[in-house]
Amino acid sequence: GASLLRRIQTRTHRMEPTLLTQEPQPEAPAPPTMSLGARLLNVFATPGDVFQEVKTARVSTANWLMPAVILILVSWTASWLIFSQDAINHQLSEITDQAIQKQVERSHLSEQQAEQARAMGEKWAGISSKIGAALVPVFGGFASPFIWGLIVWLAGAKALKGNFTYMKAVEVVGLANMIGVLDVIVRTLLIVGMGNLYAAPGLVLLVKEFDPQNPVHSLLAVVNVMTFWLLAVRAMGLARLSGASFAKAALWVFGIWAAYTGFLLGLGALAQAAFKRMGA
């Protein structure tokens, strides 16, 4: 009996260090179950599943970089196609002429000065449109993930008390920009098909002759189906990262968008009113 007791005690002493040293290890980030291509496509159909995987997987630069590259290339191709249409170039010339004519009338220029102003205005309008077509997609592709990523991170990690890093928010916003790629394609098809530079999948289609200086027309232009889809996908990403409900996340995303959109529209209206007073 004493021999058996000593054997049990010996085995117990041997096991104790092993049991004491077995501390729980922190969980490593799970490897992604979707390929990058699957994430880029599934964000259209099942964005919640995509963002849930982004939350638990390790950081991936490709999640925001690849959508940015795709958006830039598609936008450049769309710009080339749009500005190769005679109807669009004619509409652009008419818009430029109307703007110059209003400026001429306000400034009370002579006929010779008016002709010089028209020539200069048409020249700069062509240059600015080409520069804008080249640079705006780059800004949209590379800057928007970090700007909106900051908004999503502040709203989710600070206001909604979520536990995720800033780069996770950047990844979510970057993947959501695939909706922006589809928006560019849809807009391009409408513009080329209708011969209208301002055609878009929204209430602006109800306007026969769009006037960019008309505040009502500008308001209708922001009511866009694709924009609301993009905002809803961003809200889904915020909800998955923060653990909040979709309703709370949507309230933050749509609220912030409505606030700065209203600010820009109001600023434009004030600027137009100021120019009219100067002309009077």
Protein backbone atom coordinates (compact mmCIF):
# COMPACT_ATOMS: atom_id res chain seq x y z
CA GLY A 1 0.00 0.00 0.00
CA ALA A 2 2.82 2.45 0.87
CA SER A 3 4.54 1.67 -2.43
CA LEU A 4 1.32 2.37 -4.38
CA LEU A 5 0.84 5.66 -2.51
CA ARG A 6 4.39 6.80 -3.35
CA ARG A 7 3.82 6.02 -7.06
CA ILE A 8 0.63 8.11 -7.10
CA GLN A 9 2.36 11.04 -5.40
CA THR A 10 5.27 10.86 -7.84
CA ARG A 11 2.94 10.97 -10.85
CA THR A 12 1.00 13.85 -9.32
CA HIS A 13 4.16 15.91 -8.80
CA ARG A 14 5.19 15.25 -12.40
CA MET A 15 1.82 16.43 -13.73
CA GLU A 16 1.54 19.59 -11.62
CA PRO A 17 4.17 21.69 -13.52
CA THR A 18 2.58 20.72 -16.81
CA LEU A 19 -0.88 21.77 -15.64
CA LEU A 20 0.42 25.03 -14.21
CA THR A 21 2.29 25.99 -17.37
CA GLN A 22 -0.68 25.37 -19.73
CA GLU A 23 -2.00 28.94 -19.97
CA PRO A 24 -4.66 29.87 -22.52
CA GLN A 25 -3.11 31.37 -25.66
CA PRO A 26 -4.70 34.38 -27.41
CA GLU A 27 -6.70 33.43 -30.47
CA ALA A 28 -4.90 34.14 -33.73
CA PRO A 29 -6.85 35.90 -36.49
CA ALA A 30 -8.73 33.36 -38.55
CA PRO A 31 -7.58 32.88 -42.13
CA PRO A 32 -10.11 34.16 -44.69
CA THR A 33 -12.54 31.59 -46.03
CA MET A 34 -13.41 33.70 -49.10
CA SER A 35 -10.98 34.56 -51.85
CA LEU A 36 -10.46 38.22 -52.70
CA GLY A 37 -12.53 37.80 -55.85
CA ALA A 38 -15.36 36.26 -53.83
CA ARG A 39 -15.31 39.17 -51.37
CA LEU A 40 -15.45 41.71 -54.20
CA LEU A 41 -18.49 39.99 -55.70
CA ASN A 42 -20.28 38.92 -52.53
CA VAL A 43 -20.36 42.49 -51.25
CA PHE A 44 -23.24 42.98 -53.71
CA ALA A 45 -25.32 40.04 -52.49
CA THR A 46 -24.24 39.17 -48.93
CA PRO A 47 -22.24 42.11 -47.55
CA GLY A 48 -22.92 41.05 -43.95
CA ASP A 49 -21.04 37.78 -44.45
CA VAL A 50 -18.15 39.58 -46.15
CA PHE A 51 -17.79 42.13 -43.36
CA GLN A 52 -18.08 39.49 -40.64
CA GLU A 53 -15.10 37.71 -42.17
CA VAL A 54 -13.18 41.00 -42.46
CA LYS A 55 -13.76 41.59 -38.75
CA THR A 56 -12.29 38.25 -37.67
CA ALA A 57 -9.58 37.82 -40.32
CA ARG A 58 -6.16 39.41 -40.30
CA VAL A 59 -5.63 42.80 -41.92
CA SER A 60 -5.56 42.69 -45.73
CA THR A 61 -4.49 45.70 -47.78
CA ALA A 62 -6.03 44.15 -50.88
CA ASN A 63 -9.51 44.62 -49.41
CA TRP A 64 -9.34 48.37 -50.01
CA LEU A 65 -6.59 48.61 -52.64
CA MET A 66 -8.15 46.37 -55.29
CA PRO A 67 -11.57 48.10 -55.28
CA ALA A 68 -9.72 51.44 -55.54
CA VAL A 69 -7.79 50.31 -58.62
CA ILE A 70 -10.94 48.87 -60.23
CA LEU A 71 -12.90 52.08 -59.54
CA ILE A 72 -10.18 54.25 -61.09
CA LEU A 73 -9.82 52.12 -64.24
CA VAL A 74 -13.59 51.84 -64.77
CA SER A 75 -14.03 55.59 -64.21
CA TRP A 76 -11.28 56.48 -66.69
CA THR A 77 -12.83 54.19 -69.29
CA ALA A 78 -16.26 55.68 -68.64
CA SER A 79 -14.93 59.24 -69.02
CA TRP A 80 -13.29 58.38 -72.33
CA LEU A 81 -16.54 56.83 -73.59
CA ILE A 82 -18.71 59.74 -72.42
CA PHE A 83 -16.54 62.51 -73.86
CA SER A 84 -16.23 60.68 -77.17
CA GLN A 85 -19.96 61.25 -77.75
CA ASP A 86 -20.85 64.23 -79.96
CA ALA A 87 -24.13 64.81 -78.12
CA ILE A 88 -22.34 65.09 -74.78
CA ASN A 89 -19.71 67.48 -76.13
CA HIS A 90 -22.45 69.63 -77.66
CA GLN A 91 -24.32 69.71 -74.34
CA LEU A 92 -21.13 70.61 -72.50
CA SER A 93 -20.50 73.48 -74.94
CA GLU A 94 -24.03 74.81 -74.44
CA ILE A 95 -23.65 74.71 -70.64
CA THR A 96 -20.34 76.58 -70.91
CA ASP A 97 -21.81 79.18 -73.28
CA GLN A 98 -24.78 79.81 -71.00
CA ALA A 99 -22.55 80.27 -67.96
CA ILE A 100 -20.25 82.64 -69.87
CA GLN A 101 -23.20 84.61 -71.24
CA LYS A 102 -24.59 85.15 -67.74
CA GLN A 103 -21.18 86.35 -66.58
CA VAL A 104 -20.92 88.68 -69.58
CA GLU A 105 -24.32 90.20 -68.84
CA ARG A 106 -23.45 90.73 -65.18
CA SER A 107 -20.10 92.30 -65.97
CA HIS A 108 -21.49 94.52 -68.78
CA LEU A 109 -18.60 93.65 -71.09
CA SER A 110 -18.18 95.00 -74.62
CA GLU A 111 -18.72 92.72 -77.62
CA GLN A 112 -14.98 92.25 -78.11
CA GLN A 113 -14.44 91.50 -74.43
CA ALA A 114 -17.39 89.11 -74.51
CA GLU A 115 -15.86 87.15 -77.40
CA GLN A 116 -12.54 86.94 -75.60
CA ALA A 117 -14.32 85.73 -72.45
CA ARG A 118 -16.19 83.06 -74.43
CA ALA A 119 -13.00 81.78 -76.07
CA MET A 120 -11.15 81.69 -72.76
CA GLY A 121 -14.10 80.05 -70.99
CA GLU A 122 -14.46 77.29 -73.58
CA LYS A 123 -10.72 76.62 -73.43
CA TRP A 124 -10.64 76.33 -69.64
CA ALA A 125 -13.89 74.32 -69.56
CA GLY A 126 -12.33 71.69 -71.80
CA ILE A 127 -9.13 71.57 -69.77
CA SER A 128 -10.92 71.43 -66.41
CA SER A 129 -13.27 68.65 -67.55
CA LYS A 130 -10.30 66.51 -68.65
CA ILE A 131 -8.39 67.18 -65.44
CA GLY A 132 -11.47 66.41 -63.37
CA ALA A 133 -12.11 63.18 -65.27
CA ALA A 134 -8.53 62.10 -64.53
CA LEU A 135 -8.19 63.19 -60.89
CA VAL A 136 -11.64 62.72 -59.35
CA PRO A 137 -11.58 58.90 -59.74
CA VAL A 138 -8.15 58.79 -58.09
CA PHE A 139 -9.44 60.78 -55.14
CA GLY A 140 -12.58 58.65 -54.94
CA GLY A 141 -10.64 55.41 -55.12
CA PHE A 142 -7.79 56.12 -52.71
CA ALA A 143 -9.07 58.87 -50.41
CA SER A 144 -12.65 57.76 -49.73
CA PRO A 145 -11.67 54.52 -47.91
CA PHE A 146 -9.56 56.51 -45.45
CA ILE A 147 -11.98 59.44 -45.04
CA TRP A 148 -15.10 57.32 -44.67
CA GLY A 149 -13.04 54.75 -42.80
CA LEU A 150 -12.32 57.41 -40.20
CA ILE A 151 -16.03 58.21 -39.98
CA VAL A 152 -16.95 54.53 -39.57
CA TRP A 153 -14.21 53.99 -36.98
CA LEU A 154 -15.22 57.05 -34.91
CA ALA A 155 -18.90 56.13 -35.05
CA GLY A 156 -18.34 52.42 -34.37
CA ALA A 157 -15.40 52.34 -31.95
CA LYS A 158 -16.21 55.52 -30.03
CA ALA A 159 -19.94 56.24 -30.24
CA LEU A 160 -21.20 52.63 -30.53
CA LYS A 161 -18.43 51.21 -28.27
CA GLY A 162 -17.21 48.62 -30.77
CA ASN A 163 -13.80 46.96 -30.57
CA PHE A 164 -12.06 47.19 -33.95
CA THR A 165 -9.13 49.03 -35.47
CA TYR A 166 -9.15 51.92 -37.92
CA MET A 167 -7.77 49.77 -40.75
CA LYS A 168 -10.67 47.35 -40.39
CA ALA A 169 -12.99 50.28 -41.10
CA VAL A 170 -10.84 51.19 -44.12
CA GLU A 171 -11.18 47.64 -45.45
CA VAL A 172 -14.97 47.68 -45.03
CA VAL A 173 -15.35 51.04 -46.80
CA GLY A 174 -12.98 49.93 -49.55
CA LEU A 175 -14.96 46.78 -50.25
CA ALA A 176 -18.20 48.79 -50.20
CA ASN A 177 -16.75 50.94 -52.99
CA MET A 178 -17.50 48.07 -55.37
CA ILE A 179 -21.05 49.49 -55.30
CA GLY A 180 -19.46 52.71 -56.55
CA VAL A 181 -17.95 50.78 -59.47
CA LEU A 182 -21.42 49.58 -60.44
CA ASP A 183 -22.71 53.14 -60.04
CA VAL A 184 -20.14 54.39 -62.58
CA ILE A 185 -21.20 51.69 -65.06
CA VAL A 186 -24.91 52.42 -64.67
CA ARG A 187 -24.39 56.20 -64.95
CA THR A 188 -22.28 55.77 -68.06
CA LEU A 189 -24.90 53.62 -69.77
CA LEU A 190 -27.62 56.17 -68.95
CA ILE A 191 -25.52 59.14 -70.09
CA VAL A 192 -24.53 57.54 -73.38
CA GLY A 193 -27.98 56.06 -74.00
CA MET A 194 -29.90 59.26 -73.25
CA GLY A 195 -27.29 61.71 -74.52
CA ASN A 196 -27.58 63.61 -71.25
CA LEU A 197 -24.50 64.43 -69.18
CA TYR A 198 -26.57 64.60 -65.98
CA ALA A 199 -28.43 61.30 -66.35
CA ALA A 200 -28.26 59.15 -63.20
CA PRO A 201 -30.35 56.37 -61.60
CA GLY A 202 -32.48 58.67 -59.46
CA LEU A 203 -35.02 61.49 -59.40
CA VAL A 204 -32.88 63.58 -61.73
CA LEU A 205 -34.29 61.49 -64.58
CA LEU A 206 -37.57 63.40 -64.08
CA VAL A 207 -35.85 66.66 -65.08
CA LYS A 208 -35.95 67.26 -68.85
CA GLU A 209 -33.38 70.07 -68.96
CA PHE A 210 -31.06 69.93 -65.98
CA ASP A 211 -29.76 73.27 -64.72
CA PRO A 212 -26.77 72.88 -62.37
CA GLN A 213 -27.50 76.36 -60.97
CA ASN A 214 -31.02 75.37 -59.96
CA PRO A 215 -31.07 74.32 -56.25
CA VAL A 216 -34.09 72.05 -56.80
CA HIS A 217 -32.32 70.23 -59.64
CA SER A 218 -29.21 69.85 -57.48
CA LEU A 219 -31.33 68.39 -54.68
CA LEU A 220 -32.94 65.89 -57.04
CA ALA A 221 -29.49 64.88 -58.30
CA VAL A 222 -28.42 63.61 -54.86
CA VAL A 223 -31.50 61.36 -54.54
CA ASN A 224 -29.76 58.46 -56.23
CA VAL A 225 -30.59 54.76 -55.86
CA MET A 226 -26.93 53.73 -56.14
CA THR A 227 -25.87 56.26 -53.50
CA PHE A 228 -28.41 54.90 -51.04
CA TRP A 229 -27.28 51.33 -51.79
CA LEU A 230 -23.66 52.32 -51.11
CA LEU A 231 -24.62 54.00 -47.82
CA ALA A 232 -26.64 50.94 -46.76
CA VAL A 233 -23.65 48.65 -47.41
CA ARG A 234 -21.39 50.96 -45.39
CA ALA A 235 -23.96 50.87 -42.59
CA MET A 236 -23.93 47.06 -42.71
CA GLY A 237 -20.15 47.15 -42.37
CA LEU A 238 -20.40 49.49 -39.39
CA ALA A 239 -22.98 47.22 -37.76
CA ARG A 240 -20.83 44.10 -38.16
CA LEU A 241 -17.65 45.76 -36.92
CA SER A 242 -19.27 47.43 -33.90
CA GLY A 243 -21.81 44.75 -33.00
CA ALA A 244 -24.60 47.36 -33.07
CA SER A 245 -27.90 46.88 -34.86
CA PHE A 246 -28.19 47.81 -38.52
CA ALA A 247 -30.74 50.50 -37.63
CA LYS A 248 -28.30 52.29 -35.30
CA ALA A 249 -25.46 52.00 -37.81
CA ALA A 250 -27.66 53.27 -40.65
CA LEU A 251 -28.74 56.23 -38.55
CA TRP A 252 -25.09 57.27 -38.17
CA VAL A 253 -24.07 56.67 -41.79
CA PHE A 254 -27.11 58.23 -43.44
CA GLY A 255 -27.18 61.06 -40.90
CA ILE A 256 -23.56 62.06 -41.53
CA TRP A 257 -24.07 61.86 -45.29
CA ALA A 258 -27.25 63.98 -45.11
CA ALA A 259 -25.48 66.57 -42.93
CA TYR A 260 -22.51 67.19 -45.21
CA THR A 261 -24.62 66.92 -48.40
CA GLY A 262 -27.02 69.52 -47.03
CA PHE A 263 -24.06 71.71 -46.08
CA LEU A 264 -22.64 71.54 -49.62
CA LEU A 265 -26.01 72.29 -51.22
CA GLY A 266 -26.55 75.21 -48.88
CA LEU A 267 -23.07 76.54 -49.58
CA GLY A 268 -23.73 76.38 -53.32
CA ALA A 269 -27.05 78.20 -52.95
CA LEU A 270 -25.40 80.95 -50.89
CA ALA A 271 -22.63 81.35 -53.47
CA GLN A 272 -25.16 81.70 -56.30
CA ALA A 273 -27.15 84.25 -54.31
CA ALA A 274 -23.98 86.24 -53.68
CA PHE A 275 -23.10 86.28 -57.38
CA LYS A 276 -26.58 87.46 -58.28
CA ARG A 277 -26.33 90.34 -55.83
CA MET A 278 -22.94 91.32 -57.25
CA GLY A 279 -24.36 91.25 -60.76
CA ALA A 280 -27.32 93.38 -59.72
